[in-house]
PDB file of N, CA and C in Angstrom:
ATOM      1  N   MET A   1      92.640 177.173 171.812  1.00  0.00           N
ATOM      2  CA  MET A   1      92.343 175.782 171.506  1.00  0.00           C
ATOM      3  C   MET A   1      93.236 174.770 172.315  1.00  0.00           C
ATOM      4  N   THR A   2      92.658 173.866 172.942  1.00  0.00           N
ATOM      5  CA  THR A   2      93.339 172.822 173.907  1.00  0.00           C
ATOM      6  C   THR A   2      92.788 171.782 173.723  1.00  0.00           C
ATOM      7  N   VAL A   3      93.346 170.614 174.548  1.00  0.00           N
ATOM      8  CA  VAL A   3      92.521 169.283 174.277  1.00  0.00           C
ATOM      9  C   VAL A   3      91.298 169.235 175.320  1.00  0.00           C
ATOM     10  N   ARG A   4      90.554 168.143 174.711  1.00  0.00           N
ATOM     11  CA  ARG A   4      89.075 168.111 175.429  1.00  0.00           C
ATOM     12  C   ARG A   4      89.204 167.627 176.605  1.00  0.00           C
ATOM     13  N   HIS A   5      90.208 166.635 176.657  1.00  0.00           N
ATOM     14  CA  HIS A   5      90.224 165.870 178.151  1.00  0.00           C
ATOM     15  C   HIS A   5      90.593 166.555 179.467  1.00  0.00           C
ATOM     16  N   LEU A   6      90.856 167.841 179.336  1.00  0.00           N
ATOM     17  CA  LEU A   6      91.198 168.854 180.376  1.00  0.00           C
ATOM     18  C   LEU A   6      89.761 169.102 181.024  1.00  0.00           C
ATOM     19  N   PHE A   7      88.964 168.922 180.307  1.00  0.00           N
ATOM     20  CA  PHE A   7      87.338 169.398 180.864  1.00  0.00           C
ATOM     21  C   PHE A   7      86.437 168.185 181.285  1.00  0.00           C
ATOM     22  N   SER A   8      86.341 167.885 182.512  1.00  0.00           N
ATOM     23  CA  SER A   8      85.576 166.690 182.755  1.00  0.00           C
ATOM     24  C   SER A   8      84.071 166.794 182.008  1.00  0.00           C
ATOM     25  N   ASP A   9      83.310 168.044 182.443  1.00  0.00           N
ATOM     26  CA  ASP A   9      81.971 167.920 181.848  1.00  0.00           C
ATOM     27  C   ASP A   9      81.881 168.817 180.478  1.00  0.00           C
ATOM     28  N   GLY A  10      82.893 169.149 179.806  1.00  0.00           N
ATOM     29  CA  GLY A  10      82.955 169.609 178.662  1.00  0.00           C
ATOM     30  C   GLY A  10      82.688 171.233 178.683  1.00  0.00           C
ATOM     31  N   LYS A  11      82.168 171.812 179.494  1.00  0.00           N
ATOM     32  CA  LYS A  11      81.974 173.264 179.223  1.00  0.00           C
ATOM     33  C   LYS A  11      82.140 173.785 180.775  1.00  0.00           C
ATOM     34  N   GLY A  12      82.262 175.025 180.954  1.00  0.00           N
ATOM     35  CA  GLY A  12      82.174 175.787 182.165  1.00  0.00           C
ATOM     36  C   GLY A  12      83.448 176.662 182.151  1.00  0.00           C
ATOM     37  N   GLN A  13      83.550 177.336 183.490  1.00  0.00           N
ATOM     38  CA  GLN A  13      84.499 178.416 183.399  1.00  0.00           C
ATOM     39  C   GLN A  13      85.822 178.032 183.632  1.00  0.00           C
ATOM     40  N   VAL A  14      86.979 178.766 183.206  1.00  0.00           N
ATOM     41  CA  VAL A  14      88.380 178.029 183.409  1.00  0.00           C
ATOM     42  C   VAL A  14      89.012 179.637 183.906  1.00  0.00           C
ATOM     43  N   ALA A  15      90.294 179.223 184.354  1.00  0.00           N
ATOM     44  CA  ALA A  15      91.322 180.038 184.577  1.00  0.00           C
ATOM     45  C   ALA A  15      92.533 179.927 183.881  1.00  0.00           C
ATOM     46  N   ILE A  16      93.194 181.073 183.106  1.00  0.00           N
ATOM     47  CA  ILE A  16      94.438 180.616 182.209  1.00  0.00           C
ATOM     48  C   ILE A  16      95.366 181.511 182.969  1.00  0.00           C
ATOM     49  N   LEU A  17      96.662 180.877 183.397  1.00  0.00           N
ATOM     50  CA  LEU A  17      97.756 181.531 183.846  1.00  0.00           C
ATOM     51  C   LEU A  17      98.783 181.456 182.807  1.00  0.00           C
ATOM     52  N   PHE A  18      99.003 182.579 182.701  1.00  0.00           N
ATOM     53  CA  PHE A  18     100.436 182.740 181.625  1.00  0.00           C
ATOM     54  C   PHE A  18     101.595 182.725 182.242  1.00  0.00           C
ATOM     55  N   PRO A  19     102.841 182.520 181.563  1.00  0.00           N
ATOM     56  CA  PRO A  19     103.942 182.411 182.401  1.00  0.00           C
ATOM     57  C   PRO A  19     104.535 183.504 182.961  1.00  0.00           C
ATOM     58  N   ASP A  20     104.088 184.725 182.919  1.00  0.00           N
ATOM     59  CA  ASP A  20     104.616 185.997 183.515  1.00  0.00           C
ATOM     60  C   ASP A  20     103.580 186.020 184.976  1.00  0.00           C
ATOM     61  N   GLY A  21     102.699 185.277 185.172  1.00  0.00           N
ATOM     62  CA  GLY A  21     101.875 185.197 186.248  1.00  0.00           C
ATOM     63  C   GLY A  21     100.659 185.829 186.138  1.00  0.00           C
ATOM     64  N   THR A  22     100.340 186.346 185.097  1.00  0.00           N
ATOM     65  CA  THR A  22      98.864 187.040 184.555  1.00  0.00           C
ATOM     66  C   THR A  22      98.054 185.988 184.685  1.00  0.00           C
ATOM     67  N   ARG A  23      96.534 186.330 185.161  1.00  0.00           N
ATOM     68  CA  ARG A  23      95.621 185.463 185.200  1.00  0.00           C
ATOM     69  C   ARG A  23      94.700 186.007 184.528  1.00  0.00           C
ATOM     70  N   ALA A  24      93.770 185.132 183.672  1.00  0.00           N
ATOM     71  CA  ALA A  24      92.605 185.461 182.958  1.00  0.00           C
ATOM     72  C   ALA A  24      91.432 184.640 182.818  1.00  0.00           C
ATOM     73  N   GLU A  25      90.375 185.125 183.035  1.00  0.00           N
ATOM     74  CA  GLU A  25      89.012 184.149 183.170  1.00  0.00           C
ATOM     75  C   GLU A  25      88.669 183.944 181.711  1.00  0.00           C
ATOM     76  N   GLY A  26      88.297 182.863 181.699  1.00  0.00           N
ATOM     77  CA  GLY A  26      87.775 182.377 180.371  1.00  0.00           C
ATOM     78  C   GLY A  26      86.732 181.216 180.195  1.00  0.00           C
ATOM     79  N   SER A  27      86.128 180.645 179.434  1.00  0.00           N
ATOM     80  CA  SER A  27      85.313 179.652 179.570  1.00  0.00           C
ATOM     81  C   SER A  27      85.550 178.786 178.239  1.00  0.00           C
ATOM     82  N   CYS A  28      85.187 177.157 178.522  1.00  0.00           N
ATOM     83  CA  CYS A  28      85.195 176.242 177.496  1.00  0.00           C
ATOM     84  C   CYS A  28      83.966 176.388 176.628  1.00  0.00           C
ATOM     85  N   SER A  29      83.972 176.921 175.431  1.00  0.00           N
ATOM     86  CA  SER A  29      82.580 177.147 174.562  1.00  0.00           C
ATOM     87  C   SER A  29      82.332 176.149 173.496  1.00  0.00           C
ATOM     88  N   ALA A  30      83.097 175.406 173.227  1.00  0.00           N
ATOM     89  CA  ALA A  30      82.987 174.140 172.182  1.00  0.00           C
ATOM     90  C   ALA A  30      83.922 173.053 172.560  1.00  0.00           C
ATOM     91  N   ILE A  31      83.326 172.088 172.175  1.00  0.00           N
ATOM     92  CA  ILE A  31      84.191 170.839 172.251  1.00  0.00           C
ATOM     93  C   ILE A  31      83.888 169.809 171.184  1.00  0.00           C
ATOM     94  N   ASP A  32      85.128 169.014 170.844  1.00  0.00           N
ATOM     95  CA  ASP A  32      84.813 167.823 169.871  1.00  0.00           C
ATOM     96  C   ASP A  32      85.670 166.553 170.322  1.00  0.00           C
ATOM     97  N   ASP A  33      84.727 165.645 171.126  1.00  0.00           N
ATOM     98  CA  ASP A  33      85.099 164.405 171.786  1.00  0.00           C
ATOM     99  C   ASP A  33      85.915 163.871 170.992  1.00  0.00           C
ATOM    100  N   GLN A  34      85.687 163.660 169.721  1.00  0.00           N
ATOM    101  CA  GLN A  34      86.120 162.869 168.898  1.00  0.00           C
ATOM    102  C   GLN A  34      87.382 163.195 168.522  1.00  0.00           C
ATOM    103  N   ALA A  35      87.620 164.590 168.466  1.00  0.00           N
ATOM    104  CA  ALA A  35      89.235 164.855 168.011  1.00  0.00           C
ATOM    105  C   ALA A  35      89.865 165.417 169.312  1.00  0.00           C
ATOM    106  N   ASP A  36      89.268 165.302 170.819  1.00  0.00           N
ATOM    107  CA  ASP A  36      90.041 165.534 171.871  1.00  0.00           C
ATOM    108  C   ASP A  36      90.325 167.067 171.570  1.00  0.00           C
ATOM    109  N   LEU A  37      89.572 167.844 171.224  1.00  0.00           N
ATOM    110  CA  LEU A  37      89.850 169.467 171.053  1.00  0.00           C
ATOM    111  C   LEU A  37      88.750 170.195 171.909  1.00  0.00           C
ATOM    112  N   ALA A  38      88.941 171.608 172.590  1.00  0.00           N
ATOM    113  CA  ALA A  38      88.176 172.150 173.144  1.00  0.00           C
ATOM    114  C   ALA A  38      88.634 173.619 172.903  1.00  0.00           C
ATOM    115  N   LEU A  39      87.766 174.304 172.848  1.00  0.00           N
ATOM    116  CA  LEU A  39      87.829 175.923 172.207  1.00  0.00           C
ATOM    117  C   LEU A  39      87.772 176.756 173.712  1.00  0.00           C
ATOM    118  N   VAL A  40      89.016 177.330 174.102  1.00  0.00           N
ATOM    119  CA  VAL A  40      88.562 178.123 175.341  1.00  0.00           C
ATOM    120  C   VAL A  40      88.595 179.560 174.876  1.00  0.00           C
ATOM    121  N   GLU A  41      87.529 180.610 175.183  1.00  0.00           N
ATOM    122  CA  GLU A  41      87.555 181.854 175.008  1.00  0.00           C
ATOM    123  C   GLU A  41      87.881 182.704 176.126  1.00  0.00           C
ATOM    124  N   PHE A  42      88.534 183.799 176.023  1.00  0.00           N
ATOM    125  CA  PHE A  42      88.896 184.535 177.499  1.00  0.00           C
ATOM    126  C   PHE A  42      89.166 186.145 176.850  1.00  0.00           C
ATOM    127  N   ARG A  43      88.996 186.984 177.856  1.00  0.00           N
ATOM    128  CA  ARG A  43      89.610 188.388 177.796  1.00  0.00           C
ATOM    129  C   ARG A  43      90.164 188.871 178.718  1.00  0.00           C
ATOM    130  N   GLY A  44      90.976 189.935 178.555  1.00  0.00           N
ATOM    131  CA  GLY A  44      91.793 190.472 179.693  1.00  0.00           C
ATOM    132  C   GLY A  44      93.200 190.601 179.482  1.00  0.00           C
ATOM    133  N   ARG A  45      93.748 190.175 178.152  1.00  0.00           N
ATOM    134  CA  ARG A  45      95.188 190.176 177.751  1.00  0.00           C
ATOM    135  C   ARG A  45      95.167 190.417 176.243  1.00  0.00           C
ATOM    136  N   PRO A  46      94.922 191.577 175.986  1.00  0.00           N
ATOM    137  CA  PRO A  46      94.976 192.045 174.501  1.00  0.00           C
ATOM    138  C   PRO A  46      96.541 191.843 173.830  1.00  0.00           C
ATOM    139  N   SER A  47      97.388 192.008 174.611  1.00  0.00           N
ATOM    140  CA  SER A  47      98.960 191.880 173.989  1.00  0.00           C
ATOM    141  C   SER A  47      99.345 190.360 173.654  1.00  0.00           C
ATOM    142  N   THR A  48      98.111 189.494 173.915  1.00  0.00           N
ATOM    143  CA  THR A  48      98.545 188.067 173.787  1.00  0.00           C
ATOM    144  C   THR A  48      98.612 187.865 172.211  1.00  0.00           C
ATOM    145  N   PRO A  49      99.609 187.296 171.570  1.00  0.00           N
ATOM    146  CA  PRO A  49      99.827 187.300 170.100  1.00  0.00           C
ATOM    147  C   PRO A  49      98.614 186.138 169.661  1.00  0.00           C
ATOM    148  N   CYS A  50      98.200 186.320 168.557  1.00  0.00           N
ATOM    149  CA  CYS A  50      97.383 185.407 167.718  1.00  0.00           C
ATOM    150  C   CYS A  50      98.263 184.534 166.708  1.00  0.00           C
ATOM    151  N   VAL A  51      98.085 183.297 166.650  1.00  0.00           N
ATOM    152  CA  VAL A  51      98.973 182.762 165.890  1.00  0.00           C
ATOM    153  C   VAL A  51      97.859 182.146 164.598  1.00  0.00           C
ATOM    154  N   PRO A  52      98.043 182.551 163.509  1.00  0.00           N
ATOM    155  CA  PRO A  52      97.040 182.115 162.558  1.00  0.00           C
ATOM    156  C   PRO A  52      97.402 181.013 162.076  1.00  0.00           C
ATOM    157  N   ILE A  53      96.224 179.983 161.797  1.00  0.00           N
ATOM    158  CA  ILE A  53      96.451 178.614 161.366  1.00  0.00           C
ATOM    159  C   ILE A  53      96.292 178.658 159.700  1.00  0.00           C
ATOM    160  N   SER A  54      95.858 179.732 159.174  1.00  0.00           N
ATOM    161  CA  SER A  54      95.847 179.653 157.839  1.00  0.00           C
ATOM    162  C   SER A  54      95.958 181.166 157.186  1.00  0.00           C
ATOM    163  N   ALA A  55      96.696 180.984 155.970  1.00  0.00           N
ATOM    164  CA  ALA A  55      96.797 182.628 155.305  1.00  0.00           C
ATOM    165  C   ALA A  55      95.453 182.948 154.976  1.00  0.00           C
ATOM    166  N   ALA A  56      94.385 182.134 154.596  1.00  0.00           N
ATOM    167  CA  ALA A  56      92.998 182.362 153.991  1.00  0.00           C
ATOM    168  C   ALA A  56      91.955 181.890 155.254  1.00  0.00           C
ATOM    169  N   PRO A  57      90.970 182.577 154.974  1.00  0.00           N
ATOM    170  CA  PRO A  57      89.803 182.184 156.020  1.00  0.00           C
ATOM    171  C   PRO A  57      89.515 180.435 155.627  1.00  0.00           C
ATOM    172  N   ILE A  58      89.210 179.581 156.754  1.00  0.00           N
ATOM    173  CA  ILE A  58      89.062 178.284 156.546  1.00  0.00           C
ATOM    174  C   ILE A  58      87.439 178.254 155.987  1.00  0.00           C
ATOM    175  N   ALA A  59      87.091 177.413 155.041  1.00  0.00           N
ATOM    176  CA  ALA A  59      85.719 177.260 154.893  1.00  0.00           C
ATOM    177  C   ALA A  59      85.047 176.173 155.317  1.00  0.00           C
ATOM    178  N   ALA A  60      83.849 176.238 155.708  1.00  0.00           N
ATOM    179  CA  ALA A  60      82.860 175.281 156.024  1.00  0.00           C
ATOM    180  C   ALA A  60      83.059 174.020 155.600  1.00  0.00           C
ATOM    181  N   GLN A  61      83.180 172.884 156.431  1.00  0.00           N
ATOM    182  CA  GLN A  61      83.657 171.622 156.116  1.00  0.00           C
ATOM    183  C   GLN A  61      84.985 171.245 155.514  1.00  0.00           C
ATOM    184  N   GLU A  62      85.819 172.140 155.553  1.00  0.00           N
ATOM    185  CA  GLU A  62      87.228 172.151 155.173  1.00  0.00           C
ATOM    186  C   GLU A  62      87.897 171.383 156.147  1.00  0.00           C
ATOM    187  N   THR A  63      88.745 170.379 155.874  1.00  0.00           N
ATOM    188  CA  THR A  63      89.505 169.703 156.728  1.00  0.00           C
ATOM    189  C   THR A  63      90.583 170.408 157.163  1.00  0.00           C
ATOM    190  N   ILE A  64      90.742 170.060 158.349  1.00  0.00           N
ATOM    191  CA  ILE A  64      92.094 170.695 159.137  1.00  0.00           C
ATOM    192  C   ILE A  64      92.625 169.533 159.828  1.00  0.00           C
ATOM    193  N   TRP A  65      94.014 169.913 160.480  1.00  0.00           N
ATOM    194  CA  TRP A  65      94.512 168.738 160.986  1.00  0.00           C
ATOM    195  C   TRP A  65      95.194 169.186 162.399  1.00  0.00           C
ATOM    196  N   GLN A  66      95.100 168.302 163.244  1.00  0.00           N
ATOM    197  CA  GLN A  66      95.475 168.692 164.732  1.00  0.00           C
ATOM    198  C   GLN A  66      97.009 168.058 164.790  1.00  0.00           C
ATOM    199  N   VAL A  67      97.790 168.609 165.122  1.00  0.00           N
ATOM    200  CA  VAL A  67      98.934 168.329 165.368  1.00  0.00           C
ATOM    201  C   VAL A  67      99.502 168.455 166.943  1.00  0.00           C
ATOM    202  N   GLY A  68     100.345 167.493 167.418  1.00  0.00           N
ATOM    203  CA  GLY A  68     100.704 167.589 168.746  1.00  0.00           C
ATOM    204  C   GLY A  68     100.489 166.479 170.016  1.00  0.00           C
ATOM    205  N   TYR A  69     100.380 166.733 170.920  1.00  0.00           N
ATOM    206  CA  TYR A  69     100.279 165.340 171.902  1.00  0.00           C
ATOM    207  C   TYR A  69      98.672 165.413 172.255  1.00  0.00           C
TER     208      TYR A  69
END
């Protein structure tokens, strides 16, 4: 997940560059203009840790909070 304003047209191909110089191809698959959020899906780096946002699955229509810049 990242910020929506990075994508001029909302969807498309992106390149993700990791701190160690590794590059992965991905795509912006969903956006929320009101919350300024974008979902980027990528493959090619299975060792990248996933940070859970909840101990339990999020239910449909459940409120979540966006924190950060």
